[in-house]
Amino acid sequence: MWFKNLSVFRLTEAFTLAPDELEQKLEALSFRSCGPHEEFTFGWTSPLGKTAQQLVHTTSGFIMLCVKKEERVLPVAVVNELVQEKISDKEEKQARKLSKKERTEIKDELIFDLLPKAFTFSRKIYAYIDPKGGWLIVDAASAKNAEDLLSLLRKSLGSLPAVPLNTIDKPSTILTQWLLNNKAPDDITIEDECELRSPEETGGIIRCKRHDLALPEIKNHLDTGKEVIKLALTWADRISFIIDENLSIKRLRFLDLIQEQAADIETEDAAAQFDADFSIMSAELANFLPRLIELFGGVNIA
């Protein structure tokens, strides 16, 4: 179980629920499949997969959770075409233009009829709680997916004081300085990908991939006022990632030093492998996150 993205939330109060207490609270909103006329369902499922029942998996004090969303798929183009056919047919029979309300009713009725026949697909979002460090970490590439999981957790628990990670120093300012000076802290390596944006509201965006970011042309863009809003980095030869101006981390990779550590652990089954990987990953991120925050001046608690 290796996360590929990090959306980090800071717990503003100590998380004190024991795993069995958390399990009980999650059960009320556990996952179920879509009903015939439901567009989607969203609920907790076991992080260990279909063969497991527990909604909470704990390793070394870290608490893994997983939500599953199932959606019915109705292609927009198909729905729009069928709706237009019904509208045209009714307008021709009645020799008049239908009102906006009538058009909406036709679309709603059509979707209601089609939903039971629609295919479904599902996806999972994983997250874990670090009670000691005071973090909720979500493996989500989009802010919406991370917020969806957080909202469901708050609904399950009644409340959860958690806020997005915010640092004292503006990330884009620090990243811009690193790239402008072609110098980062000793444990940070600047890689070959970045995104630059002009500060104006309608300013241009420059994207560079597999590019030597030390070349003069990059410095020229920065000299004209563009800021770094995404930058590919490696930390301590252990983790590579792309960080953006909101401190979201994408394309997270655990490098050879960590993968070799994981490979040295012998496991008997998939559940044991999951547990071993989660243990190594969570311990590594417990070291990485404080350093990441330090790089940007510490946590802003305002």
Protein backbone atom coordinates (compact mmCIF):
# COMPACT_ATOMS: atom_id res chain seq x y z
CA MET A 1 0.00 0.00 0.00
CA TRP A 2 1.93 2.97 -1.29
CA PHE A 3 0.25 6.36 -1.58
CA LYS A 4 0.75 8.21 -4.87
CA ASN A 5 -0.61 11.59 -3.73
CA LEU A 6 -0.74 13.44 -0.43
CA SER A 7 -3.47 15.84 0.65
CA VAL A 8 -2.47 16.72 4.20
CA PHE A 9 -4.83 17.96 6.90
CA ARG A 10 -3.67 19.09 10.33
CA LEU A 11 -5.69 17.87 13.32
CA THR A 12 -6.23 20.88 15.56
CA GLU A 13 -7.22 18.68 18.52
CA ALA A 14 -5.79 15.37 19.71
CA PHE A 15 -7.33 12.31 18.07
CA THR A 16 -8.16 10.04 21.00
CA LEU A 17 -10.57 7.44 19.60
CA ALA A 18 -9.40 3.86 20.02
CA PRO A 19 -9.52 1.74 16.81
CA ASP A 20 -12.51 -0.30 18.02
CA GLU A 21 -14.43 2.87 18.88
CA LEU A 22 -13.63 4.31 15.46
CA GLU A 23 -14.76 1.06 13.83
CA GLN A 24 -18.16 1.30 15.52
CA LYS A 25 -18.65 4.89 14.37
CA LEU A 26 -17.76 4.08 10.76
CA GLU A 27 -20.13 1.11 10.53
CA ALA A 28 -23.23 3.30 10.23
CA LEU A 29 -21.91 4.71 6.95
CA SER A 30 -20.29 1.58 5.55
CA PHE A 31 -20.37 1.08 1.80
CA ARG A 32 -23.35 -0.43 -0.01
CA SER A 33 -23.96 -0.84 -3.74
CA CYS A 34 -26.10 1.60 -5.71
CA GLY A 35 -29.84 1.05 -5.67
CA PRO A 36 -31.67 0.98 -9.03
CA HIS A 37 -32.30 4.72 -9.08
CA GLU A 38 -29.27 5.99 -7.19
CA GLU A 39 -26.64 7.87 -9.18
CA PHE A 40 -23.92 7.00 -6.67
CA THR A 41 -23.20 5.67 -3.19
CA PHE A 42 -20.26 6.52 -0.94
CA GLY A 43 -19.21 4.69 2.22
CA TRP A 44 -16.48 3.04 4.26
CA THR A 45 -14.96 -0.25 3.20
CA SER A 46 -12.11 -2.38 4.46
CA PRO A 47 -8.66 -1.10 3.47
CA LEU A 48 -7.58 -4.73 3.12
CA GLY A 49 -10.07 -5.50 0.34
CA LYS A 50 -13.02 -7.78 -0.27
CA THR A 51 -11.86 -10.64 1.93
CA ALA A 52 -11.62 -8.45 5.05
CA GLN A 53 -14.40 -7.07 7.23
CA GLN A 54 -12.73 -4.51 9.46
CA LEU A 55 -13.15 -0.90 8.40
CA VAL A 56 -10.11 0.20 10.42
CA HIS A 57 -6.59 -1.15 10.00
CA THR A 58 -3.95 -0.13 12.54
CA THR A 59 -0.18 -0.48 12.31
CA SER A 60 2.33 1.03 14.75
CA GLY A 61 -0.26 3.54 15.91
CA PHE A 62 -1.22 4.70 12.41
CA ILE A 63 -4.86 4.16 11.42
CA MET A 64 -5.72 3.32 7.81
CA LEU A 65 -9.20 4.01 6.40
CA CYS A 66 -10.76 3.55 2.97
CA VAL A 67 -13.90 4.89 1.29
CA LYS A 68 -15.50 3.43 -1.79
CA LYS A 69 -17.66 5.28 -4.28
CA GLU A 70 -19.86 3.50 -6.79
CA GLU A 71 -21.42 5.47 -9.63
CA ARG A 72 -23.88 4.67 -12.37
CA VAL A 73 -22.60 5.73 -15.79
CA LEU A 74 -24.95 7.56 -18.13
CA PRO A 75 -23.03 9.03 -21.10
CA VAL A 76 -23.94 12.71 -21.35
CA ALA A 77 -24.02 12.69 -25.16
CA VAL A 78 -26.47 9.76 -25.20
CA VAL A 79 -28.73 11.34 -22.58
CA ASN A 80 -28.75 14.69 -24.40
CA GLU A 81 -29.60 13.04 -27.73
CA LEU A 82 -32.51 11.07 -26.25
CA VAL A 83 -33.79 14.12 -24.40
CA GLN A 84 -33.72 16.21 -27.57
CA GLU A 85 -35.60 13.51 -29.46
CA LYS A 86 -38.34 13.44 -26.82
CA ILE A 87 -38.55 17.24 -26.72
CA SER A 88 -38.75 17.50 -30.53
CA ASP A 89 -41.41 14.78 -30.70
CA LYS A 90 -43.55 16.43 -28.03
CA GLU A 91 -43.18 19.91 -29.55
CA GLU A 92 -44.19 18.58 -32.95
CA LYS A 93 -47.28 16.84 -31.57
CA GLN A 94 -48.36 19.84 -29.52
CA ALA A 95 -47.28 22.45 -32.11
CA ARG A 96 -45.58 24.62 -29.50
CA LYS A 97 -42.26 25.21 -27.80
CA LEU A 98 -41.85 23.50 -24.45
CA SER A 99 -40.97 25.58 -21.41
CA LYS A 100 -37.68 25.22 -19.59
CA LYS A 101 -39.51 23.46 -16.74
CA GLU A 102 -41.05 20.94 -19.14
CA ARG A 103 -37.67 20.24 -20.76
CA THR A 104 -36.12 19.65 -17.33
CA GLU A 105 -38.95 17.27 -16.40
CA ILE A 106 -38.39 15.26 -19.58
CA LYS A 107 -34.69 14.95 -18.79
CA ASP A 108 -35.34 13.94 -15.18
CA GLU A 109 -37.86 11.29 -16.25
CA LEU A 110 -35.47 9.91 -18.85
CA ILE A 111 -32.58 9.66 -16.36
CA PHE A 112 -34.92 7.96 -13.86
CA ASP A 113 -35.82 5.36 -16.52
CA LEU A 114 -32.24 4.81 -17.65
CA LEU A 115 -30.48 4.60 -14.27
CA PRO A 116 -31.44 0.97 -13.45
CA LYS A 117 -29.96 -0.12 -16.80
CA ALA A 118 -26.73 1.85 -16.46
CA PHE A 119 -23.37 0.23 -15.83
CA THR A 120 -21.64 0.97 -12.54
CA PHE A 121 -17.99 1.57 -11.74
CA SER A 122 -16.27 2.08 -8.43
CA ARG A 123 -13.11 3.63 -7.03
CA LYS A 124 -11.48 3.79 -3.62
CA ILE A 125 -9.81 6.58 -1.70
CA TYR A 126 -7.36 5.66 1.04
CA ALA A 127 -6.34 7.78 4.00
CA TYR A 128 -4.67 7.33 7.33
CA ILE A 129 -4.68 9.12 10.65
CA ASP A 130 -1.43 9.82 12.48
CA PRO A 131 -2.63 10.56 16.03
CA LYS A 132 0.88 11.18 17.36
CA GLY A 133 1.87 13.59 14.58
CA GLY A 134 -1.60 15.12 14.42
CA TRP A 135 -2.26 14.47 10.73
CA LEU A 136 -4.92 13.12 8.41
CA ILE A 137 -3.27 12.14 5.14
CA VAL A 138 -5.39 11.36 2.07
CA ASP A 139 -4.18 9.66 -1.08
CA ALA A 140 -6.14 11.91 -3.43
CA ALA A 141 -5.06 13.66 -6.60
CA SER A 142 -7.87 16.21 -6.37
CA ALA A 143 -8.87 18.48 -3.52
CA LYS A 144 -12.50 17.46 -4.01
CA ASN A 145 -11.80 13.77 -3.40
CA ALA A 146 -9.86 14.62 -0.25
CA GLU A 147 -12.66 16.87 0.99
CA ASP A 148 -15.26 14.18 0.21
CA LEU A 149 -13.44 11.71 2.43
CA LEU A 150 -12.99 14.30 5.18
CA SER A 151 -16.69 15.20 5.03
CA LEU A 152 -17.71 11.56 5.38
CA LEU A 153 -15.35 11.12 8.32
CA ARG A 154 -16.79 14.19 10.03
CA LYS A 155 -20.30 12.84 9.43
CA SER A 156 -19.31 9.49 10.93
CA LEU A 157 -17.63 10.99 13.99
CA GLY A 158 -19.96 13.94 14.53
CA SER A 159 -17.03 16.33 14.18
CA LEU A 160 -13.34 16.31 13.34
CA PRO A 161 -11.26 19.45 13.87
CA ALA A 162 -9.01 19.29 10.82
CA VAL A 163 -7.73 21.99 8.48
CA PRO A 164 -5.64 21.91 5.29
CA LEU A 165 -1.92 22.22 5.86
CA ASN A 166 -0.86 25.86 5.81
CA THR A 167 2.68 27.14 6.35
CA ILE A 168 4.08 30.48 7.47
CA ASP A 169 6.06 31.00 4.25
CA LYS A 170 4.22 31.00 0.95
CA PRO A 171 5.23 27.81 -0.92
CA SER A 172 5.42 29.50 -4.33
CA THR A 173 7.81 32.13 -2.93
CA ILE A 174 10.19 29.52 -1.48
CA LEU A 175 10.05 27.32 -4.60
CA THR A 176 10.72 30.35 -6.79
CA GLN A 177 13.76 31.28 -4.72
CA TRP A 178 15.17 27.77 -5.00
CA LEU A 179 14.79 27.71 -8.75
CA LEU A 180 15.93 31.31 -9.28
CA ASN A 181 19.12 30.72 -7.30
CA ASN A 182 19.49 27.14 -8.56
CA LYS A 183 20.05 26.17 -4.95
CA ALA A 184 17.84 24.23 -2.54
CA PRO A 185 18.51 22.89 0.98
CA ASP A 186 21.05 20.09 1.14
CA ASP A 187 18.46 17.33 1.45
CA ILE A 188 16.37 18.62 -1.47
CA THR A 189 17.18 17.96 -5.14
CA ILE A 190 15.43 19.97 -7.85
CA GLU A 191 14.42 17.64 -10.67
CA ASP A 192 13.41 18.29 -14.30
CA GLU A 193 9.79 19.47 -14.15
CA CYS A 194 8.09 22.69 -13.13
CA GLU A 195 5.17 25.00 -13.81
CA LEU A 196 5.56 28.77 -13.80
CA ARG A 197 2.78 31.37 -13.70
CA SER A 198 2.70 35.12 -14.10
CA PRO A 199 1.18 36.86 -11.05
CA GLU A 200 -1.42 38.73 -13.11
CA GLU A 201 -4.95 37.34 -13.01
CA THR A 202 -4.80 36.46 -16.71
CA GLY A 203 -1.05 35.77 -16.67
CA GLY A 204 0.55 33.11 -18.81
CA ILE A 205 1.62 29.65 -17.64
CA ILE A 206 4.83 27.88 -18.66
CA ARG A 207 5.09 24.11 -18.22
CA CYS A 208 8.44 22.35 -18.44
CA LYS A 209 8.88 18.59 -18.39
CA ARG A 210 12.10 16.59 -18.78
CA HIS A 211 13.88 19.94 -18.99
CA ASP A 212 17.09 21.26 -17.43
CA LEU A 213 15.67 23.85 -15.05
CA ALA A 214 19.11 25.44 -14.56
CA LEU A 215 19.11 26.79 -18.13
CA PRO A 216 19.05 30.59 -18.59
CA GLU A 217 15.63 30.54 -20.26
CA ILE A 218 14.04 29.42 -16.98
CA LYS A 219 15.80 32.19 -15.07
CA ASN A 220 14.60 34.67 -17.69
CA HIS A 221 10.99 33.71 -17.00
CA LEU A 222 11.56 34.10 -13.26
CA ASP A 223 13.29 37.45 -13.76
CA THR A 224 10.19 38.75 -15.53
CA GLY A 225 8.08 37.99 -12.46
CA LYS A 226 6.77 34.49 -13.03
CA GLU A 227 6.40 32.32 -9.90
CA VAL A 228 6.89 28.60 -9.44
CA ILE A 229 3.54 26.94 -8.72
CA LYS A 230 4.69 23.34 -9.24
CA LEU A 231 8.12 21.80 -8.87
CA ALA A 232 9.50 18.27 -9.04
CA LEU A 233 11.75 17.48 -6.08
CA THR A 234 13.54 14.62 -4.37
CA TRP A 235 14.01 14.48 -0.61
CA ALA A 236 17.11 12.79 0.85
CA ASP A 237 17.25 10.27 -2.01
CA ARG A 238 14.24 8.61 -0.40
CA ILE A 239 11.10 10.24 -1.82
CA SER A 240 10.42 12.01 -5.13
CA PHE A 241 7.32 14.10 -5.76
CA ILE A 242 5.78 17.16 -7.36
CA ILE A 243 4.68 19.84 -4.91
CA ASP A 244 2.33 22.69 -5.79
CA GLU A 245 1.54 26.11 -4.38
CA ASN A 246 -1.08 24.61 -2.03
CA LEU A 247 1.34 22.05 -0.58
CA SER A 248 -0.44 19.22 -2.34
CA ILE A 249 1.90 16.43 -3.38
CA LYS A 250 1.42 14.50 -6.60
CA ARG A 251 3.24 11.60 -8.26
CA LEU A 252 4.77 10.52 -4.98
CA ARG A 253 7.38 7.78 -5.36
CA PHE A 254 9.28 5.94 -2.66
CA LEU A 255 12.78 5.39 -4.02
CA ASP A 256 15.23 2.50 -3.94
CA LEU A 257 16.33 2.91 -0.32
CA ILE A 258 12.75 2.41 0.85
CA GLN A 259 11.76 -0.19 -1.75
CA GLU A 260 14.75 -2.32 -0.79
CA GLN A 261 13.69 -2.11 2.84
CA ALA A 262 10.21 -3.31 1.86
CA ALA A 263 11.62 -6.11 -0.30
CA ASP A 264 13.66 -7.46 2.61
CA ILE A 265 10.50 -8.21 4.60
CA GLU A 266 9.10 -11.69 4.00
CA THR A 267 5.30 -11.89 4.13
CA GLU A 268 2.94 -14.85 3.97
CA ASP A 269 -0.06 -13.28 2.25
CA ALA A 270 -1.50 -10.08 0.77
CA ALA A 271 -2.74 -8.83 4.14
CA ALA A 272 0.70 -9.18 5.69
CA GLN A 273 2.27 -7.42 2.69
CA PHE A 274 -0.23 -4.58 3.03
CA ASP A 275 0.63 -4.27 6.69
CA ALA A 276 4.38 -4.24 6.04
CA ASP A 277 4.12 -1.64 3.26
CA PHE A 278 1.83 0.57 5.33
CA SER A 279 4.20 0.38 8.28
CA ILE A 280 7.21 1.45 6.20
CA MET A 281 5.30 4.15 4.31
CA SER A 282 3.71 5.75 7.36
CA ALA A 283 7.01 5.77 9.26
CA GLU A 284 8.76 7.39 6.29
CA LEU A 285 6.09 10.07 5.92
CA ALA A 286 6.20 10.71 9.67
CA ASN A 287 9.82 11.78 9.12
CA PHE A 288 9.18 13.58 5.85
CA LEU A 289 6.23 15.80 6.80
CA PRO A 290 7.94 17.68 9.66
CA ARG A 291 10.87 18.39 7.35
CA LEU A 292 8.52 19.55 4.59
CA ILE A 293 6.85 21.97 7.00
CA GLU A 294 10.21 23.21 8.21
CA LEU A 295 11.23 24.02 4.64
CA PHE A 296 8.32 26.44 4.40
CA GLY A 297 8.76 28.17 7.73
CA GLY A 298 6.64 25.98 9.99
CA VAL A 299 2.91 25.52 10.46
CA ASN A 300 0.73 28.61 10.28
CA ILE A 301 -1.80 28.14 13.06
CA ALA A 302 -3.62 31.41 12.46
